[in-house]
Amino acid sequence: MNRSAWIGLLWALCAPLLWAAAPEVPDPEAWARLSPQQQNERRAELRRQLEAASPQERQAFRRAMRERLEKLPPERREALVEQTRERWQTLSPAERERLASERREQVQSMSRSERRELLEQRRAMLRKMTPEERAQWREKLPTR
């Protein structure tokens, strides 16, 4: 699977948490221990809460989520990525397509400024990665 697909997968799994009102930011490691069913239930609950939140509250939630992930040591982040990758591999093709489709719809429904902010967040994330992490992501990029 190429880099874009992995990034899309991670965003498909995590982005619903990032785009909706100011509930408490879940612990990434605790989240990874949840079953897929539990994650879906919690994701739906967070989505409802975030839909009721103000734009400022949603932005604060996204910022807090990003900061929480960035505070993890690189080894732990990589372990979480690997767990996500393994879980993705166990999904049926139909489930994978459903998640990818949901993410596409979510991005398409964003305003121009929200998409620009998302792009800036991704660039900031790449700047903060270790050279080894960036090299791993680069290896997964599709050739153009």
C-alpha atoms as a PDB file:
ATOM      1  CA  MET A   1       0.000   0.000   0.000  1.00  0.00           C
ATOM      2  CA  ASN A   2       1.420   3.399  -0.919  1.00  0.00           C
ATOM      3  CA  ARG A   3       2.007   6.375   1.372  1.00  0.00           C
ATOM      4  CA  SER A   4      -1.113   8.211   0.285  1.00  0.00           C
ATOM      5  CA  ALA A   5      -3.189   5.175   1.057  1.00  0.00           C
ATOM      6  CA  TRP A   6      -1.641   4.806   4.534  1.00  0.00           C
ATOM      7  CA  ILE A   7      -2.126   8.474   5.311  1.00  0.00           C
ATOM      8  CA  GLY A   8      -5.681   8.192   4.043  1.00  0.00           C
ATOM      9  CA  LEU A   9      -6.219   5.153   6.243  1.00  0.00           C
ATOM     10  CA  LEU A  10      -4.870   6.865   9.329  1.00  0.00           C
ATOM     11  CA  TRP A  11      -6.987   9.927   8.616  1.00  0.00           C
ATOM     12  CA  ALA A  12     -10.039   7.774   7.904  1.00  0.00           C
ATOM     13  CA  LEU A  13      -9.620   6.093  11.248  1.00  0.00           C
ATOM     14  CA  CYS A  14      -8.677   9.178  13.254  1.00  0.00           C
ATOM     15  CA  ALA A  15     -10.104  12.149  11.414  1.00  0.00           C
ATOM     16  CA  PRO A  16     -13.667  11.739  12.625  1.00  0.00           C
ATOM     17  CA  LEU A  17     -12.213  12.549  16.019  1.00  0.00           C
ATOM     18  CA  LEU A  18     -10.579  15.660  14.674  1.00  0.00           C
ATOM     19  CA  TRP A  19     -13.442  17.282  12.805  1.00  0.00           C
ATOM     20  CA  ALA A  20     -16.252  17.595  15.101  1.00  0.00           C
ATOM     21  CA  ALA A  21     -17.139  20.018  19.347  1.00  0.00           C
ATOM     22  CA  ALA A  22     -14.969  20.004  22.354  1.00  0.00           C
ATOM     23  CA  PRO A  23     -15.259  16.582  23.959  1.00  0.00           C
ATOM     24  CA  GLU A  24     -12.289  15.207  25.829  1.00  0.00           C
ATOM     25  CA  VAL A  25      -9.473  14.109  23.544  1.00  0.00           C
ATOM     26  CA  PRO A  26      -9.105  10.329  23.774  1.00  0.00           C
ATOM     27  CA  ASP A  27      -5.796   8.755  24.710  1.00  0.00           C
ATOM     28  CA  PRO A  28      -4.233   7.348  21.510  1.00  0.00           C
ATOM     29  CA  GLU A  29      -2.925   4.235  23.234  1.00  0.00           C
ATOM     30  CA  ALA A  30      -6.248   3.512  24.924  1.00  0.00           C
ATOM     31  CA  TRP A  31      -7.984   4.087  21.588  1.00  0.00           C
ATOM     32  CA  ALA A  32      -5.709   1.551  19.893  1.00  0.00           C
ATOM     33  CA  ARG A  33      -6.705  -1.055  22.482  1.00  0.00           C
ATOM     34  CA  LEU A  34     -10.406  -0.678  21.675  1.00  0.00           C
ATOM     35  CA  SER A  35     -12.032  -3.208  19.393  1.00  0.00           C
ATOM     36  CA  PRO A  36     -13.122  -1.935  15.967  1.00  0.00           C
ATOM     37  CA  GLN A  37     -16.739  -1.997  17.179  1.00  0.00           C
ATOM     38  CA  GLN A  38     -15.865   0.038  20.269  1.00  0.00           C
ATOM     39  CA  GLN A  39     -13.906   2.501  18.137  1.00  0.00           C
ATOM     40  CA  ASN A  40     -16.884   2.927  15.818  1.00  0.00           C
ATOM     41  CA  GLU A  41     -19.210   3.562  18.762  1.00  0.00           C
ATOM     42  CA  ARG A  42     -16.826   6.047  20.369  1.00  0.00           C
ATOM     43  CA  ARG A  43     -16.173   7.732  16.993  1.00  0.00           C
ATOM     44  CA  ALA A  44     -19.919   8.186  16.433  1.00  0.00           C
ATOM     45  CA  GLU A  45     -20.318   9.616  19.935  1.00  0.00           C
ATOM     46  CA  LEU A  46     -17.436  12.051  19.390  1.00  0.00           C
ATOM     47  CA  ARG A  47     -18.836  13.040  16.013  1.00  0.00           C
ATOM     48  CA  ARG A  48     -22.208  13.916  17.572  1.00  0.00           C
ATOM     49  CA  GLN A  49     -20.538  15.970  20.293  1.00  0.00           C
ATOM     50  CA  LEU A  50     -18.323  17.774  17.824  1.00  0.00           C
ATOM     51  CA  GLU A  51     -21.207  18.558  15.473  1.00  0.00           C
ATOM     52  CA  ALA A  52     -22.837  20.409  18.357  1.00  0.00           C
ATOM     53  CA  ALA A  53     -19.658  22.342  19.127  1.00  0.00           C
ATOM     54  CA  SER A  54     -18.681  25.775  17.913  1.00  0.00           C
ATOM     55  CA  PRO A  55     -15.968  26.139  15.250  1.00  0.00           C
ATOM     56  CA  GLN A  56     -13.597  27.366  17.974  1.00  0.00           C
ATOM     57  CA  GLU A  57     -14.297  24.294  20.096  1.00  0.00           C
ATOM     58  CA  ARG A  58     -13.704  22.002  17.125  1.00  0.00           C
ATOM     59  CA  GLN A  59     -10.453  23.774  16.365  1.00  0.00           C
ATOM     60  CA  ALA A  60      -9.378  23.449  20.014  1.00  0.00           C
ATOM     61  CA  PHE A  61     -10.175  19.736  19.917  1.00  0.00           C
ATOM     62  CA  ARG A  62      -8.132  19.226  16.731  1.00  0.00           C
ATOM     63  CA  ARG A  63      -5.232  21.148  18.231  1.00  0.00           C
ATOM     64  CA  ALA A  64      -5.359  19.127  21.465  1.00  0.00           C
ATOM     65  CA  MET A  65      -5.538  15.854  19.524  1.00  0.00           C
ATOM     66  CA  ARG A  66      -2.578  16.818  17.353  1.00  0.00           C
ATOM     67  CA  GLU A  67      -0.538  17.877  20.397  1.00  0.00           C
ATOM     68  CA  ARG A  68      -1.343  14.654  22.193  1.00  0.00           C
ATOM     69  CA  LEU A  69      -0.145  12.584  19.243  1.00  0.00           C
ATOM     70  CA  GLU A  70       2.967  14.710  18.802  1.00  0.00           C
ATOM     71  CA  LYS A  71       3.953  14.225  22.456  1.00  0.00           C
ATOM     72  CA  LEU A  72       4.234  10.481  21.968  1.00  0.00           C
ATOM     73  CA  PRO A  73       7.787   9.222  21.524  1.00  0.00           C
ATOM     74  CA  PRO A  74       8.604   8.301  17.909  1.00  0.00           C
ATOM     75  CA  GLU A  75       8.803   4.606  18.810  1.00  0.00           C
ATOM     76  CA  ARG A  76       5.308   4.654  20.331  1.00  0.00           C
ATOM     77  CA  ARG A  77       3.884   6.567  17.366  1.00  0.00           C
ATOM     78  CA  GLU A  78       5.401   3.976  15.045  1.00  0.00           C
ATOM     79  CA  ALA A  79       3.927   1.167  17.151  1.00  0.00           C
ATOM     80  CA  LEU A  80       0.487   2.794  16.912  1.00  0.00           C
ATOM     81  CA  VAL A  81       0.908   3.177  13.151  1.00  0.00           C
ATOM     82  CA  GLU A  82       1.858  -0.503  12.905  1.00  0.00           C
ATOM     83  CA  GLN A  83      -1.202  -1.519  14.964  1.00  0.00           C
ATOM     84  CA  THR A  84      -3.395   0.570  12.684  1.00  0.00           C
ATOM     85  CA  ARG A  85      -1.775  -0.978   9.625  1.00  0.00           C
ATOM     86  CA  GLU A  86      -2.353  -4.491  10.980  1.00  0.00           C
ATOM     87  CA  ARG A  87      -5.969  -3.693  11.802  1.00  0.00           C
ATOM     88  CA  TRP A  88      -6.440  -2.262   8.288  1.00  0.00           C
ATOM     89  CA  GLN A  89      -5.094  -5.487   6.789  1.00  0.00           C
ATOM     90  CA  THR A  90      -7.730  -7.488   8.671  1.00  0.00           C
ATOM     91  CA  LEU A  91     -10.601  -5.406   7.247  1.00  0.00           C
ATOM     92  CA  SER A  92     -12.591  -6.738   4.340  1.00  0.00           C
ATOM     93  CA  PRO A  93     -12.155  -4.934   0.999  1.00  0.00           C
ATOM     94  CA  ALA A  94     -15.705  -3.614   1.324  1.00  0.00           C
ATOM     95  CA  GLU A  95     -14.974  -2.175   4.778  1.00  0.00           C
ATOM     96  CA  ARG A  96     -11.749  -0.590   3.532  1.00  0.00           C
ATOM     97  CA  GLU A  97     -13.593   1.037   0.648  1.00  0.00           C
ATOM     98  CA  ARG A  98     -16.343   2.246   2.985  1.00  0.00           C
ATOM     99  CA  LEU A  99     -13.793   3.925   5.284  1.00  0.00           C
ATOM    100  CA  ALA A 100     -11.927   5.482   2.354  1.00  0.00           C
ATOM    101  CA  SER A 101     -15.201   6.733   0.895  1.00  0.00           C
ATOM    102  CA  GLU A 102     -16.245   8.246   4.230  1.00  0.00           C
ATOM    103  CA  ARG A 103     -12.947  10.082   4.426  1.00  0.00           C
ATOM    104  CA  ARG A 104     -13.231  11.368   0.849  1.00  0.00           C
ATOM    105  CA  GLU A 105     -16.721  12.669   1.591  1.00  0.00           C
ATOM    106  CA  GLN A 106     -15.511  14.267   4.791  1.00  0.00           C
ATOM    107  CA  VAL A 107     -12.667  16.091   3.034  1.00  0.00           C
ATOM    108  CA  GLN A 108     -14.943  17.153   0.160  1.00  0.00           C
ATOM    109  CA  SER A 109     -17.446  18.581   2.636  1.00  0.00           C
ATOM    110  CA  MET A 110     -14.773  20.760   4.262  1.00  0.00           C
ATOM    111  CA  SER A 111     -14.562  24.414   3.407  1.00  0.00           C
ATOM    112  CA  ARG A 112     -11.593  25.675   1.431  1.00  0.00           C
ATOM    113  CA  SER A 113     -10.051  27.111   4.597  1.00  0.00           C
ATOM    114  CA  GLU A 114     -10.523  23.819   6.479  1.00  0.00           C
ATOM    115  CA  ARG A 115      -8.809  21.897   3.670  1.00  0.00           C
ATOM    116  CA  ARG A 116      -5.971  24.430   3.666  1.00  0.00           C
ATOM    117  CA  GLU A 117      -5.657  24.057   7.456  1.00  0.00           C
ATOM    118  CA  LEU A 118      -5.562  20.263   7.062  1.00  0.00           C
ATOM    119  CA  LEU A 119      -2.765  20.578   4.513  1.00  0.00           C
ATOM    120  CA  GLU A 120      -0.802  22.855   6.838  1.00  0.00           C
ATOM    121  CA  GLN A 121      -1.303  20.398   9.702  1.00  0.00           C
ATOM    122  CA  ARG A 122       0.047  17.557   7.575  1.00  0.00           C
ATOM    123  CA  ARG A 123       3.062  19.636   6.554  1.00  0.00           C
ATOM    124  CA  ALA A 124       3.721  20.537  10.198  1.00  0.00           C
ATOM    125  CA  MET A 125       3.446  16.875  11.140  1.00  0.00           C
ATOM    126  CA  LEU A 126       6.021  15.946   8.490  1.00  0.00           C
ATOM    127  CA  ARG A 127       8.395  18.664   9.700  1.00  0.00           C
ATOM    128  CA  LYS A 128       8.239  17.253  13.232  1.00  0.00           C
ATOM    129  CA  MET A 129       8.953  13.665  12.193  1.00  0.00           C
ATOM    130  CA  THR A 130      12.369  12.195  12.676  1.00  0.00           C
ATOM    131  CA  PRO A 131      14.404  11.688   9.500  1.00  0.00           C
ATOM    132  CA  GLU A 132      13.772   7.943   9.833  1.00  0.00           C
ATOM    133  CA  GLU A 133      10.000   8.446  10.058  1.00  0.00           C
ATOM    134  CA  ARG A 134      10.033  10.734   7.019  1.00  0.00           C
ATOM    135  CA  ALA A 135      12.102   8.185   5.091  1.00  0.00           C
ATOM    136  CA  GLN A 136       9.565   5.476   5.919  1.00  0.00           C
ATOM    137  CA  TRP A 137       6.714   7.656   4.666  1.00  0.00           C
ATOM    138  CA  ARG A 138       8.676   8.588   1.540  1.00  0.00           C
ATOM    139  CA  GLU A 139       9.183   4.912   0.716  1.00  0.00           C
ATOM    140  CA  LYS A 140       5.427   4.450   0.656  1.00  0.00           C
ATOM    141  CA  LEU A 141       4.758   7.341  -1.704  1.00  0.00           C
ATOM    142  CA  PRO A 142       3.454   6.403  -5.136  1.00  0.00           C
ATOM    143  CA  THR A 143       5.801   7.190  -7.993  1.00  0.00           C
ATOM    144  CA  ARG A 144       4.635  10.011 -10.221  1.00  0.00           C
END
